[in-house]
N, C-alpha and C. Protein backbone atom coordinates (compact mmCIF):
# COMPACT_ATOMS: atom_id res chain seq x y z
N MET A 1 0.85 -1.46 0.02
CA MET A 1 0.15 -0.04 0.15
C MET A 1 0.92 1.49 0.08
N LYS A 2 0.49 2.55 -0.41
CA LYS A 2 1.10 3.70 -0.61
C LYS A 2 0.26 4.33 0.58
N VAL A 3 0.73 4.59 1.86
CA VAL A 3 0.20 5.20 3.05
C VAL A 3 1.03 6.50 3.33
N LEU A 4 0.21 7.43 3.44
CA LEU A 4 0.52 8.69 4.00
C LEU A 4 0.18 9.01 5.43
N ILE A 5 1.00 9.29 6.21
CA ILE A 5 0.68 9.28 7.70
C ILE A 5 0.98 10.86 8.20
N VAL A 6 0.04 11.20 8.59
CA VAL A 6 0.12 12.72 8.71
C VAL A 6 0.38 13.16 10.32
N GLY A 7 1.51 13.62 10.75
CA GLY A 7 1.39 13.48 12.36
C GLY A 7 2.58 12.37 12.83
N GLY A 8 3.62 12.11 12.05
CA GLY A 8 4.21 10.79 11.95
C GLY A 8 5.70 11.07 12.71
N SER A 9 5.98 12.15 13.32
CA SER A 9 7.33 12.11 14.25
C SER A 9 7.50 11.79 15.71
N SER A 10 6.44 11.32 16.12
CA SER A 10 6.30 11.20 17.64
C SER A 10 5.22 10.33 17.92
N GLY A 11 5.18 10.02 19.21
CA GLY A 11 4.01 9.29 20.12
C GLY A 11 3.73 8.11 18.89
N ILE A 12 2.31 7.94 18.86
CA ILE A 12 1.38 6.98 18.30
C ILE A 12 2.25 7.36 16.42
N GLY A 13 2.47 8.38 16.02
CA GLY A 13 2.96 8.55 14.66
C GLY A 13 4.13 7.92 14.51
N ILE A 14 5.24 8.21 15.18
CA ILE A 14 6.61 7.42 14.39
C ILE A 14 6.48 6.06 14.97
N ALA A 15 5.24 5.59 15.71
CA ALA A 15 5.20 4.09 15.98
C ALA A 15 4.25 3.74 14.81
N THR A 16 3.46 4.56 14.10
CA THR A 16 2.44 3.76 13.17
C THR A 16 3.58 3.88 11.81
N VAL A 17 4.60 4.82 11.76
CA VAL A 17 5.48 4.64 10.68
C VAL A 17 6.30 3.45 10.64
N LYS A 18 7.04 3.08 11.69
CA LYS A 18 7.88 2.20 11.88
C LYS A 18 6.59 0.68 11.58
N THR A 19 5.79 0.83 11.75
CA THR A 19 4.99 -0.16 12.05
C THR A 19 4.70 -0.65 10.58
N PHE A 20 4.18 0.33 9.86
CA PHE A 20 3.76 0.30 8.47
C PHE A 20 4.89 -0.37 7.58
N LEU A 21 6.53 0.50 8.07
CA LEU A 21 7.60 -0.04 7.20
C LEU A 21 7.90 -1.17 7.36
N ASN A 22 7.86 -1.84 8.69
CA ASN A 22 7.91 -3.28 9.07
C ASN A 22 7.29 -4.29 7.80
N ALA A 23 5.99 -3.32 7.49
CA ALA A 23 5.29 -4.57 7.07
C ALA A 23 5.30 -4.15 5.51
N LYS A 24 6.51 -3.32 5.24
CA LYS A 24 6.73 -3.39 4.01
C LYS A 24 6.09 -2.44 2.90
N HIS A 25 5.14 -1.62 3.50
CA HIS A 25 4.36 -0.49 2.68
C HIS A 25 5.26 0.51 2.42
N ASP A 26 4.68 1.25 1.21
CA ASP A 26 5.39 2.59 1.19
C ASP A 26 4.93 3.76 1.75
N VAL A 27 5.85 4.36 2.38
CA VAL A 27 5.41 5.59 3.50
C VAL A 27 5.85 6.85 3.09
N ILE A 28 4.74 7.58 3.58
CA ILE A 28 5.62 9.02 3.39
C ILE A 28 4.43 9.62 4.61
N ALA A 29 5.29 10.45 5.22
CA ALA A 29 4.96 10.80 6.43
C ALA A 29 5.18 12.52 6.47
N THR A 30 4.55 13.12 7.46
CA THR A 30 4.60 14.56 7.86
C THR A 30 5.29 14.75 9.17
N TYR A 31 6.07 15.75 9.26
CA TYR A 31 6.52 16.10 10.84
C TYR A 31 6.32 17.84 10.85
N ARG A 32 6.40 18.27 12.01
CA ARG A 32 6.30 19.59 12.20
C ARG A 32 7.80 20.36 12.45
N THR A 33 8.19 19.66 13.67
CA THR A 33 9.60 20.33 14.15
C THR A 33 10.14 18.79 14.53
N GLY A 34 11.66 19.06 14.36
CA GLY A 34 12.74 17.91 14.82
C GLY A 34 12.77 16.79 13.54
N ILE A 35 13.57 16.94 12.72
CA ILE A 35 13.99 16.08 11.88
C ILE A 35 14.30 14.55 11.87
N PRO A 36 12.94 13.78 11.65
CA PRO A 36 12.80 12.38 11.97
C PRO A 36 14.00 11.65 11.40
N ASN A 37 14.16 10.29 11.65
CA ASN A 37 15.19 9.29 11.40
C ASN A 37 15.06 9.19 9.60
N ASN A 38 15.66 9.57 9.11
CA ASN A 38 15.65 9.12 7.58
C ASN A 38 16.24 7.62 7.36
N GLU A 39 16.65 6.87 8.48
CA GLU A 39 17.13 5.73 8.17
C GLU A 39 16.01 4.76 8.56
N LEU A 40 14.49 5.29 8.92
CA LEU A 40 13.58 4.54 8.75
C LEU A 40 12.97 4.22 7.63
N GLY A 41 13.42 4.99 6.44
CA GLY A 41 13.05 4.61 4.94
C GLY A 41 11.62 5.14 4.68
N ALA A 42 10.85 6.01 5.68
CA ALA A 42 10.11 6.61 4.72
C ALA A 42 10.28 8.05 4.38
N TYR A 43 9.61 8.48 3.51
CA TYR A 43 9.52 9.67 2.76
C TYR A 43 9.21 10.99 3.56
N TRP A 44 9.91 11.87 4.01
CA TRP A 44 9.38 12.86 5.02
C TRP A 44 9.27 14.07 4.50
N ILE A 45 8.16 14.56 4.84
CA ILE A 45 7.22 16.00 4.49
C ILE A 45 7.59 16.98 5.49
N ASN A 46 7.97 18.27 5.70
CA ASN A 46 7.66 19.13 6.79
C ASN A 46 6.50 20.07 6.40
N ALA A 47 5.76 19.92 7.42
CA ALA A 47 4.13 20.39 7.37
C ALA A 47 3.53 20.57 8.71
N ASP A 48 3.38 21.86 8.85
CA ASP A 48 3.03 22.69 10.10
C ASP A 48 1.37 22.84 9.50
N MET A 49 0.41 22.03 10.62
CA MET A 49 -0.86 22.18 10.21
C MET A 49 -1.67 23.19 10.54
N LEU A 50 -0.77 24.39 10.83
CA LEU A 50 -1.65 25.65 11.25
C LEU A 50 -1.10 26.55 10.07
N ARG A 51 -0.55 25.71 8.91
CA ARG A 51 -0.01 26.92 7.64
C ARG A 51 -0.68 26.23 6.61
N ILE A 52 -1.25 26.83 5.64
CA ILE A 52 -2.17 26.40 4.58
C ILE A 52 -1.00 26.08 3.61
N ALA A 53 0.00 26.68 3.43
CA ALA A 53 0.96 26.56 2.55
C ALA A 53 1.78 25.10 2.61
N ASP A 54 1.76 24.80 4.05
CA ASP A 54 2.11 23.59 4.32
C ASP A 54 1.39 22.13 3.96
N ILE A 55 -0.11 22.64 4.13
CA ILE A 55 -0.74 21.54 3.84
C ILE A 55 -0.80 21.29 2.09
N ASP A 56 -0.84 22.46 1.35
CA ASP A 56 -1.01 22.55 -0.08
C ASP A 56 0.59 21.74 -0.39
N SER A 57 1.59 21.73 0.20
CA SER A 57 2.72 21.03 -0.09
C SER A 57 2.73 19.79 0.24
N ILE A 58 1.68 19.11 1.05
CA ILE A 58 1.62 17.61 1.12
C ILE A 58 0.97 17.29 -0.06
N GLU A 59 -0.05 17.86 -1.14
CA GLU A 59 -0.44 17.64 -2.07
C GLU A 59 0.54 17.81 -3.33
N ALA A 60 1.39 18.70 -3.03
CA ALA A 60 2.41 18.56 -4.35
C ALA A 60 3.34 17.47 -4.16
N ASN A 61 3.57 16.83 -2.94
CA ASN A 61 4.29 16.04 -3.07
C ASN A 61 3.81 14.39 -3.10
N ILE A 62 2.78 14.18 -3.41
CA ILE A 62 2.15 13.00 -3.48
C ILE A 62 1.25 12.75 -4.95
N SER A 63 1.12 11.54 -5.33
CA SER A 63 0.63 11.32 -6.52
C SER A 63 -0.45 10.11 -6.24
N ALA A 64 -0.44 9.24 -5.59
CA ALA A 64 -1.29 8.33 -5.15
C ALA A 64 -1.36 8.08 -3.69
N VAL A 65 -2.35 7.64 -3.21
CA VAL A 65 -2.75 7.33 -1.66
C VAL A 65 -3.73 6.05 -2.07
N ASP A 66 -3.41 4.84 -1.09
CA ASP A 66 -4.03 3.96 -0.55
C ASP A 66 -4.81 4.15 0.50
N LEU A 67 -3.89 4.84 1.72
CA LEU A 67 -4.32 4.90 3.09
C LEU A 67 -3.95 6.07 3.74
N LEU A 68 -4.78 6.94 4.01
CA LEU A 68 -4.56 8.17 4.60
C LEU A 68 -4.78 7.68 6.18
N ILE A 69 -3.89 8.13 7.26
CA ILE A 69 -3.67 7.78 8.40
C ILE A 69 -3.27 9.47 8.89
N LEU A 70 -4.41 9.81 9.67
CA LEU A 70 -4.56 11.50 10.25
C LEU A 70 -4.32 11.34 11.77
N LEU A 71 -3.24 11.83 12.37
CA LEU A 71 -2.85 11.59 13.57
C LEU A 71 -2.20 12.89 14.30
N PRO A 72 -2.52 14.20 13.50
CA PRO A 72 -2.08 15.20 14.22
C PRO A 72 -2.87 15.74 15.71
N GLY A 73 -2.45 16.36 16.49
CA GLY A 73 -2.99 16.49 17.83
C GLY A 73 -2.26 17.48 18.60
N VAL A 74 -3.27 18.40 19.49
CA VAL A 74 -2.43 19.07 20.12
C VAL A 74 -3.63 19.51 21.67
N SER A 75 -3.12 19.77 22.52
CA SER A 75 -4.05 20.00 23.81
C SER A 75 -3.27 20.89 24.83
N PHE A 76 -4.32 21.73 25.29
CA PHE A 76 -3.23 22.70 26.50
C PHE A 76 -3.75 22.36 27.94
N GLY A 77 -4.71 21.38 27.52
CA GLY A 77 -5.34 21.05 29.07
C GLY A 77 -5.98 22.19 30.19
N LYS A 78 -6.77 22.85 29.20
CA LYS A 78 -7.16 24.13 30.09
C LYS A 78 -8.69 24.17 30.10
N SER A 79 -9.08 24.98 31.09
CA SER A 79 -10.44 25.23 31.30
C SER A 79 -11.14 26.15 30.36
N ILE A 80 -12.42 26.42 29.87
CA ILE A 80 -12.76 27.33 29.08
C ILE A 80 -12.35 28.89 29.44
N SER A 81 -12.51 28.95 30.81
CA SER A 81 -12.31 30.41 31.15
C SER A 81 -10.50 30.41 31.00
N GLU A 82 -9.42 29.55 30.45
CA GLU A 82 -8.51 29.75 30.55
C GLU A 82 -7.82 29.87 29.05
N TYR A 83 -8.67 29.35 28.40
CA TYR A 83 -8.28 29.64 27.06
C TYR A 83 -8.17 31.15 26.37
N SER A 84 -6.87 31.22 25.25
CA SER A 84 -7.01 32.28 24.88
C SER A 84 -7.54 32.26 23.43
N ASP A 85 -7.75 33.19 22.63
CA ASP A 85 -8.34 32.67 21.42
C ASP A 85 -7.31 32.33 20.14
N ASP A 86 -6.22 32.55 20.24
CA ASP A 86 -5.30 31.82 19.75
C ASP A 86 -4.98 30.45 19.89
N GLU A 87 -4.95 29.98 21.35
CA GLU A 87 -5.07 28.67 21.71
C GLU A 87 -6.23 28.00 21.02
N MET A 88 -7.24 28.66 21.18
CA MET A 88 -8.41 27.71 20.75
C MET A 88 -8.61 27.59 19.15
N ASP A 89 -8.00 28.55 18.30
CA ASP A 89 -7.75 28.48 17.19
C ASP A 89 -6.67 27.33 16.88
N GLU A 90 -5.41 27.45 17.50
CA GLU A 90 -4.81 26.15 17.10
C GLU A 90 -5.28 24.69 17.42
N VAL A 91 -5.80 24.40 18.61
CA VAL A 91 -6.76 23.39 18.69
C VAL A 91 -7.23 22.65 17.54
N LEU A 92 -8.24 23.83 17.33
CA LEU A 92 -9.42 23.35 16.53
C LEU A 92 -8.69 23.12 15.24
N THR A 93 -7.52 23.79 14.66
CA THR A 93 -7.08 23.87 13.34
C THR A 93 -6.50 22.50 13.07
N VAL A 94 -5.28 22.41 14.20
CA VAL A 94 -4.67 21.22 13.87
C VAL A 94 -5.43 19.73 14.27
N ASN A 95 -6.48 19.66 15.33
CA ASN A 95 -7.20 18.61 15.37
C ASN A 95 -8.16 18.21 14.30
N PHE A 96 -8.80 19.36 13.94
CA PHE A 96 -9.87 18.98 12.82
C PHE A 96 -9.68 19.97 11.53
N ILE A 97 -9.55 21.17 11.66
CA ILE A 97 -9.95 21.81 10.27
C ILE A 97 -8.59 21.44 9.25
N SER A 98 -7.51 21.41 9.99
CA SER A 98 -6.26 20.72 8.90
C SER A 98 -6.49 19.54 8.21
N GLN A 99 -7.42 18.61 8.89
CA GLN A 99 -7.82 17.49 8.39
C GLN A 99 -8.43 17.38 7.35
N PHE A 100 -9.38 18.14 7.71
CA PHE A 100 -10.64 18.33 6.48
C PHE A 100 -9.69 18.92 5.02
N ARG A 101 -8.95 20.03 5.48
CA ARG A 101 -8.06 20.50 4.25
C ARG A 101 -7.60 19.72 3.66
N ILE A 102 -6.69 18.42 4.45
CA ILE A 102 -5.75 17.38 3.87
C ILE A 102 -6.58 16.77 2.63
N ILE A 103 -7.71 16.35 3.31
CA ILE A 103 -8.59 15.49 2.70
C ILE A 103 -8.91 16.20 1.24
N GLN A 104 -9.77 17.22 1.27
CA GLN A 104 -9.95 17.88 0.46
C GLN A 104 -8.97 18.22 -0.93
N ARG A 105 -8.02 18.41 -0.45
CA ARG A 105 -6.92 18.60 -1.33
C ARG A 105 -6.48 17.09 -1.96
N ILE A 106 -6.22 16.32 -1.43
CA ILE A 106 -5.36 15.03 -2.12
C ILE A 106 -6.50 13.95 -2.51
N LYS A 107 -7.90 14.29 -2.25
CA LYS A 107 -9.03 13.00 -2.61
C LYS A 107 -9.05 12.62 -3.76
N HIS A 108 -8.38 13.51 -4.79
CA HIS A 108 -8.25 13.22 -6.20
C HIS A 108 -7.08 11.93 -6.15
N CYS A 109 -6.31 11.79 -5.55
CA CYS A 109 -5.11 10.97 -5.19
C CYS A 109 -5.37 9.49 -4.94
N PHE A 110 -6.73 9.32 -4.08
CA PHE A 110 -7.01 8.12 -3.56
C PHE A 110 -7.39 7.29 -4.60
N SER A 111 -6.70 5.80 -4.44
CA SER A 111 -6.75 4.88 -5.40
C SER A 111 -8.42 4.35 -5.26
N ASP A 112 -8.97 3.42 -6.14
CA ASP A 112 -10.40 2.94 -5.93
C ASP A 112 -10.81 2.13 -4.76
N ASP A 113 -9.76 1.56 -3.97
CA ASP A 113 -9.94 0.92 -3.02
C ASP A 113 -9.35 1.53 -1.61
N SER A 114 -9.45 2.65 -1.17
CA SER A 114 -8.82 3.26 -0.27
C SER A 114 -9.50 3.31 0.64
N GLN A 115 -8.69 4.15 1.67
CA GLN A 115 -8.83 3.99 3.19
C GLN A 115 -8.60 5.28 3.97
N ILE A 116 -9.43 5.93 4.90
CA ILE A 116 -9.05 6.95 5.60
C ILE A 116 -8.93 6.57 7.45
N ILE A 117 -7.96 6.79 8.05
CA ILE A 117 -8.29 6.28 9.44
C ILE A 117 -8.01 7.73 10.30
N PHE A 118 -9.09 7.91 11.12
CA PHE A 118 -8.81 9.18 11.89
C PHE A 118 -8.58 8.77 13.30
N LEU A 119 -7.69 9.80 13.98
CA LEU A 119 -7.55 9.50 15.49
C LEU A 119 -8.35 10.32 16.18
N GLY A 120 -9.35 9.90 16.56
CA GLY A 120 -10.47 10.33 17.25
C GLY A 120 -9.88 10.07 19.05
N SER A 121 -10.88 10.28 19.92
CA SER A 121 -10.47 10.05 21.42
C SER A 121 -11.73 9.78 22.34
N ILE A 122 -11.46 9.19 23.20
CA ILE A 122 -12.56 9.02 24.49
C ILE A 122 -13.10 10.49 24.97
N ALA A 123 -12.05 11.56 24.71
CA ALA A 123 -12.40 12.94 24.87
C ALA A 123 -13.47 13.25 23.87
N GLY A 124 -13.68 12.91 22.66
CA GLY A 124 -14.73 13.04 21.70
C GLY A 124 -15.78 12.46 21.79
N GLN A 125 -16.19 11.59 22.75
CA GLN A 125 -17.11 10.86 22.89
C GLN A 125 -17.97 11.17 24.25
N ARG A 126 -17.31 11.26 25.24
CA ARG A 126 -17.86 11.20 26.56
C ARG A 126 -17.80 13.09 27.25
N GLY A 127 -16.57 13.86 26.32
CA GLY A 127 -16.80 15.15 26.93
C GLY A 127 -15.15 15.15 27.66
N SER A 128 -14.76 16.09 27.91
CA SER A 128 -13.37 16.43 28.51
C SER A 128 -13.34 17.78 29.63
N ALA A 129 -12.31 17.71 30.21
CA ALA A 129 -12.39 18.69 31.27
C ALA A 129 -11.61 19.60 30.25
N ASP A 130 -10.86 19.50 29.09
CA ASP A 130 -10.18 20.48 28.26
C ASP A 130 -11.71 20.47 27.57
N PRO A 131 -12.19 21.45 27.11
CA PRO A 131 -13.50 21.52 26.45
C PRO A 131 -13.27 22.00 24.85
N ILE A 132 -12.03 22.47 24.60
CA ILE A 132 -11.97 22.64 23.26
C ILE A 132 -11.15 21.40 22.37
N TYR A 133 -10.32 20.91 23.37
CA TYR A 133 -9.79 19.61 22.53
C TYR A 133 -10.78 18.49 22.61
N GLY A 134 -11.86 18.37 23.39
CA GLY A 134 -12.93 17.72 23.46
C GLY A 134 -14.16 17.77 22.46
N ALA A 135 -14.07 18.82 22.15
CA ALA A 135 -15.10 19.57 20.79
C ALA A 135 -14.32 19.28 19.53
N SER A 136 -13.08 19.35 19.61
CA SER A 136 -12.02 19.17 18.45
C SER A 136 -12.17 17.46 17.67
N LYS A 137 -12.26 16.63 19.10
CA LYS A 137 -12.04 15.40 18.50
C LYS A 137 -13.49 14.97 18.48
N GLY A 138 -14.53 15.41 18.93
CA GLY A 138 -16.01 15.27 18.53
C GLY A 138 -16.23 15.70 17.19
N ALA A 139 -15.68 16.72 16.71
CA ALA A 139 -15.70 17.12 15.34
C ALA A 139 -15.13 16.16 14.45
N VAL A 140 -14.15 15.48 14.92
CA VAL A 140 -13.35 14.57 14.18
C VAL A 140 -14.30 13.07 14.12
N HIS A 141 -15.01 12.82 15.13
CA HIS A 141 -15.94 11.52 14.91
C HIS A 141 -17.00 12.05 13.96
N ALA A 142 -17.59 13.26 14.12
CA ALA A 142 -18.70 13.36 13.02
C ALA A 142 -18.18 13.36 11.76
N LEU A 143 -17.04 14.12 11.23
CA LEU A 143 -16.79 14.21 10.03
C LEU A 143 -16.23 12.73 9.55
N ALA A 144 -15.52 12.14 10.41
CA ALA A 144 -15.61 10.58 9.58
C ALA A 144 -16.86 9.79 9.49
N LYS A 145 -17.60 10.00 10.24
CA LYS A 145 -19.50 9.19 9.87
C LYS A 145 -19.58 9.93 8.45
N SER A 146 -19.83 11.40 8.44
CA SER A 146 -20.13 11.71 6.96
C SER A 146 -19.38 11.39 6.01
N LEU A 147 -17.89 11.40 6.02
CA LEU A 147 -17.41 10.83 5.01
C LEU A 147 -17.53 9.72 4.67
N ALA A 148 -17.38 8.60 5.75
CA ALA A 148 -17.65 7.24 5.32
C ALA A 148 -18.93 7.01 4.58
N LYS A 149 -19.96 7.99 4.42
CA LYS A 149 -21.32 8.07 3.43
C LYS A 149 -20.83 8.66 2.34
N SER A 150 -20.46 9.51 2.57
CA SER A 150 -20.16 10.22 1.18
C SER A 150 -19.13 9.78 0.47
N MET A 151 -18.22 9.05 0.89
CA MET A 151 -16.74 8.83 0.03
C MET A 151 -17.05 7.21 -0.43
N ALA A 152 -17.97 6.88 -0.01
CA ALA A 152 -17.89 4.93 0.04
C ALA A 152 -18.50 5.17 -1.49
N PRO A 153 -18.40 3.76 -2.32
CA PRO A 153 -17.61 2.86 -1.95
C PRO A 153 -16.13 2.92 -2.19
N ARG A 154 -15.64 4.16 -2.89
CA ARG A 154 -14.26 4.36 -3.39
C ARG A 154 -13.34 4.24 -2.09
N THR A 155 -13.92 5.01 -1.22
CA THR A 155 -12.86 5.01 -0.11
C THR A 155 -13.92 4.82 1.49
N ARG A 156 -13.17 3.85 2.15
CA ARG A 156 -13.47 3.83 3.48
C ARG A 156 -13.05 4.64 4.57
N VAL A 157 -14.06 4.97 5.65
CA VAL A 157 -13.51 6.22 6.31
C VAL A 157 -13.75 5.37 7.82
N ASN A 158 -12.91 5.55 9.10
CA ASN A 158 -13.11 5.09 10.12
C ASN A 158 -12.01 5.62 11.22
N VAL A 159 -12.31 5.28 12.39
CA VAL A 159 -11.88 6.28 13.56
C VAL A 159 -11.13 5.05 14.89
N ILE A 160 -10.03 5.78 15.22
CA ILE A 160 -9.82 4.96 16.34
C ILE A 160 -9.80 5.47 17.81
N ALA A 161 -10.60 5.50 18.83
CA ALA A 161 -10.70 6.38 19.74
C ALA A 161 -9.96 5.91 21.29
N PRO A 162 -8.65 6.17 21.40
CA PRO A 162 -8.04 5.87 22.60
C PRO A 162 -8.46 6.47 23.79
N GLY A 163 -8.27 6.06 24.99
CA GLY A 163 -8.24 6.77 26.29
C GLY A 163 -6.67 6.91 26.64
N MET A 164 -6.00 7.03 27.42
CA MET A 164 -5.07 7.55 27.75
C MET A 164 -3.92 6.30 27.11
N VAL A 165 -2.87 7.16 26.29
CA VAL A 165 -2.02 6.50 25.41
C VAL A 165 -0.27 6.55 25.86
N THR A 166 0.15 5.45 26.59
CA THR A 166 1.61 5.57 27.06
C THR A 166 2.50 5.61 25.87
N ASN A 167 3.53 6.38 26.23
CA ASN A 167 4.84 6.41 25.27
C ASN A 167 4.21 7.58 24.17
N THR A 168 3.84 8.37 24.84
CA THR A 168 3.35 9.71 23.77
C THR A 168 3.57 11.15 24.46
N GLY A 169 3.79 12.23 24.08
CA GLY A 169 3.98 13.30 24.59
C GLY A 169 2.98 13.93 25.54
N MET A 170 1.81 13.62 25.07
CA MET A 170 0.59 14.02 26.12
C MET A 170 0.66 13.49 27.23
N TYR A 171 0.60 12.45 27.08
CA TYR A 171 0.91 11.33 28.43
C TYR A 171 2.13 11.79 29.55
N ASP A 172 3.08 11.89 28.91
CA ASP A 172 4.36 12.38 29.72
C ASP A 172 3.93 13.68 30.34
N ALA A 173 3.13 14.47 29.50
CA ALA A 173 2.92 15.92 30.03
C ALA A 173 1.86 16.00 30.98
N THR A 174 1.09 14.98 31.19
CA THR A 174 -0.63 14.68 32.48
C THR A 174 0.22 14.58 33.76
N ASN A 175 -0.30 15.33 34.46
CA ASN A 175 -0.03 15.17 36.05
C ASN A 175 -0.39 13.87 36.42
N SER A 176 0.63 13.21 37.29
CA SER A 176 0.42 11.80 37.77
C SER A 176 -1.05 11.72 38.43
N ASN A 177 -1.61 12.62 39.29
CA ASN A 177 -2.79 12.47 39.88
C ASN A 177 -4.18 12.49 38.75
N VAL A 178 -3.68 13.19 37.66
CA VAL A 178 -4.77 12.41 36.56
C VAL A 178 -4.74 11.19 35.93
N ILE A 179 -3.32 10.59 35.95
CA ILE A 179 -3.18 9.48 35.04
C ILE A 179 -3.72 8.15 36.19
N ASN A 180 -3.64 8.86 37.45
CA ASN A 180 -4.13 7.88 38.64
C ASN A 180 -5.76 7.77 38.76
N GLY A 181 -6.16 8.82 38.39
CA GLY A 181 -7.47 9.08 38.38
C GLY A 181 -8.10 7.86 37.11
N HIS A 182 -7.61 8.09 35.86
CA HIS A 182 -7.76 7.63 35.11
C HIS A 182 -7.71 5.85 35.06
N LEU A 183 -6.85 5.77 35.50
CA LEU A 183 -6.62 4.29 35.73
C LEU A 183 -7.12 3.55 36.82
N GLU A 184 -7.84 4.25 37.86
CA GLU A 184 -8.66 3.93 38.79
C GLU A 184 -10.05 3.34 38.09
N THR A 185 -10.30 4.39 36.96
CA THR A 185 -11.76 4.15 36.43
C THR A 185 -11.77 3.37 35.05
N THR A 186 -10.54 2.94 34.68
CA THR A 186 -10.56 1.80 33.43
C THR A 186 -10.47 0.44 33.95
N PRO A 187 -11.26 -0.63 33.72
CA PRO A 187 -11.76 -1.51 34.06
C PRO A 187 -10.51 -2.63 34.00
N THR A 188 -9.60 -2.39 32.85
CA THR A 188 -8.61 -3.51 32.39
C THR A 188 -7.18 -2.93 33.53
N ARG A 189 -7.27 -1.74 34.05
CA ARG A 189 -6.41 -1.31 34.91
C ARG A 189 -4.69 -0.90 34.31
N HIS A 190 -5.02 -0.84 33.00
CA HIS A 190 -3.56 -0.42 32.34
C HIS A 190 -4.24 -0.01 31.04
N PHE A 191 -3.31 1.14 30.29
CA PHE A 191 -3.37 1.94 29.45
C PHE A 191 -2.76 1.29 27.99
N ILE A 192 -3.56 1.40 26.78
CA ILE A 192 -2.81 1.18 25.53
C ILE A 192 -1.54 2.02 25.19
N SER A 193 -0.71 1.69 24.66
CA SER A 193 0.44 1.84 24.23
C SER A 193 0.76 2.36 22.79
N ALA A 194 1.53 3.37 22.37
CA ALA A 194 1.49 3.80 20.92
C ALA A 194 1.76 2.55 20.00
N ASP A 195 2.48 1.60 20.37
CA ASP A 195 2.78 0.70 19.69
C ASP A 195 1.48 -0.35 19.13
N GLU A 196 0.55 -0.41 20.54
CA GLU A 196 -0.46 -1.36 20.05
C GLU A 196 -1.11 -0.64 19.43
N ILE A 197 -1.61 0.42 19.18
CA ILE A 197 -2.40 1.36 18.41
C ILE A 197 -2.06 1.22 16.87
N ALA A 198 -0.40 1.44 17.17
CA ALA A 198 -0.19 1.21 15.59
C ALA A 198 -0.33 -0.21 15.01
N ASN A 199 0.07 -1.49 15.95
CA ASN A 199 -0.43 -2.21 15.23
C ASN A 199 -1.98 -2.75 14.88
N ILE A 200 -3.19 -2.10 15.56
CA ILE A 200 -4.35 -2.10 15.60
C ILE A 200 -4.51 -1.25 14.45
N ILE A 201 -4.18 -0.28 13.72
CA ILE A 201 -4.15 0.21 12.44
C ILE A 201 -3.88 -0.63 11.50
N LEU A 202 -2.79 -0.88 11.63
CA LEU A 202 -1.97 -1.93 10.56
C LEU A 202 -3.26 -2.92 10.17
N ASP A 203 -3.63 -3.57 11.47
CA ASP A 203 -4.63 -4.87 11.13
C ASP A 203 -6.21 -4.48 10.61
N ILE A 204 -6.72 -3.12 11.05
CA ILE A 204 -8.09 -2.80 10.62
C ILE A 204 -8.07 -2.39 9.10
N THR A 205 -6.62 -2.16 8.48
CA THR A 205 -6.48 -1.44 7.15
C THR A 205 -6.44 -3.00 6.34
N GLN A 206 -6.31 -4.09 6.99
CA GLN A 206 -6.32 -5.13 5.84
C GLN A 206 -7.46 -5.99 5.17
N PRO A 207 -7.48 -6.45 4.05
CA PRO A 207 -8.45 -7.04 3.28
C PRO A 207 -9.91 -7.50 3.89
N HIS A 208 -9.05 -8.22 5.11
CA HIS A 208 -10.31 -8.90 5.85
C HIS A 208 -11.12 -8.08 6.77
N TRP A 209 -11.05 -6.85 6.75
CA TRP A 209 -11.82 -5.82 7.27
C TRP A 209 -12.64 -5.15 6.29
N GLY A 210 -12.82 -5.69 5.27
CA GLY A 210 -13.49 -4.71 4.05
C GLY A 210 -14.74 -3.97 4.29
N GLN A 211 -15.60 -4.94 5.19
CA GLN A 211 -16.88 -3.91 5.44
C GLN A 211 -16.54 -3.00 6.67
N LEU A 212 -15.62 -2.71 7.01
CA LEU A 212 -15.55 -1.88 8.25
C LEU A 212 -15.92 -0.52 7.41
N ASN A 213 -16.50 0.45 7.87
CA ASN A 213 -17.00 1.47 7.18
C ASN A 213 -17.49 2.46 7.99
N GLY A 214 -17.18 3.84 8.52
CA GLY A 214 -18.02 3.99 9.44
C GLY A 214 -17.83 3.75 10.85
N ALA A 215 -16.88 3.21 11.38
CA ALA A 215 -16.83 2.68 12.55
C ALA A 215 -16.09 3.26 13.45
N CYS A 216 -16.29 3.27 14.76
CA CYS A 216 -15.42 3.73 15.93
C CYS A 216 -14.64 2.61 16.68
N ILE A 217 -13.50 2.35 16.64
CA ILE A 217 -12.85 1.31 17.30
C ILE A 217 -12.58 1.93 18.80
N ASP A 218 -13.24 1.64 20.00
CA ASP A 218 -12.73 2.27 20.98
C ASP A 218 -11.62 1.44 21.74
N LEU A 219 -10.60 2.04 22.40
CA LEU A 219 -9.52 1.36 22.78
C LEU A 219 -9.08 2.26 23.98
N ASN A 220 -10.21 1.96 24.92
CA ASN A 220 -10.26 2.47 26.17
C ASN A 220 -10.35 1.90 27.44
N GLY A 221 -10.17 0.58 27.37
CA GLY A 221 -10.25 -0.40 28.19
C GLY A 221 -11.27 -0.63 29.02
N GLY A 222 -12.75 -0.21 28.51
CA GLY A 222 -13.88 -0.37 29.03
C GLY A 222 -14.04 1.10 29.97
N GLN A 223 -13.38 1.99 29.98
CA GLN A 223 -13.43 3.21 30.96
C GLN A 223 -14.70 4.02 30.29
N TYR A 224 -14.93 3.86 28.82
CA TYR A 224 -16.04 4.38 28.74
C TYR A 224 -16.97 3.62 27.67
N LEU A 225 -18.02 3.22 28.02
CA LEU A 225 -18.71 1.97 27.23
C LEU A 225 -19.82 2.58 26.79
N ARG A 226 -20.33 2.17 25.12
CA ARG A 226 -21.54 3.04 24.50
C ARG A 226 -22.59 1.91 24.39
């Protein structure tokens, strides 16, 4: 497969890049800061999701896509009264608007049996103490459902929705009391790792999942049950 991974330089992103390369797929990945390890074998594009010109450069660097994996994300962990306008715009743009823009620009590059995988979140399903982050992820879930209808049968669209994820910058920046609180309310009593998520993405994009469209794969250990 020809795979485009947006937000591929750290956390879930770099784990996904490595997983798909190990599975012998052709990988193009984007990064915002910090030059990734070129020895991995991916083709890297420097792209800031806040810059429309950078999003345009993604389109300019690709000609065909079988699988688009959208992983960019940012959170300030603030309450509604603490958010500045610039912070609100950044979260909504990186987590939602930029992803719409990317799809809009490269959909003509999709193959006749293509897929999109969004990174949603438990925060987009049940709400969050960070209301802007929760709203941005809720928008991702809604967009995925809409595109699953409008882009089929040529393109299937699905979401993965984890709770806390280890081996990520967001996890490392989270207060230990908050982490312990989440752990106590997670029936499995452990969190999923970035590597585990990458392997799940690899699995659900295989042919035996061909009927999966418009679905949300919950990866929260039972912390939120629908």
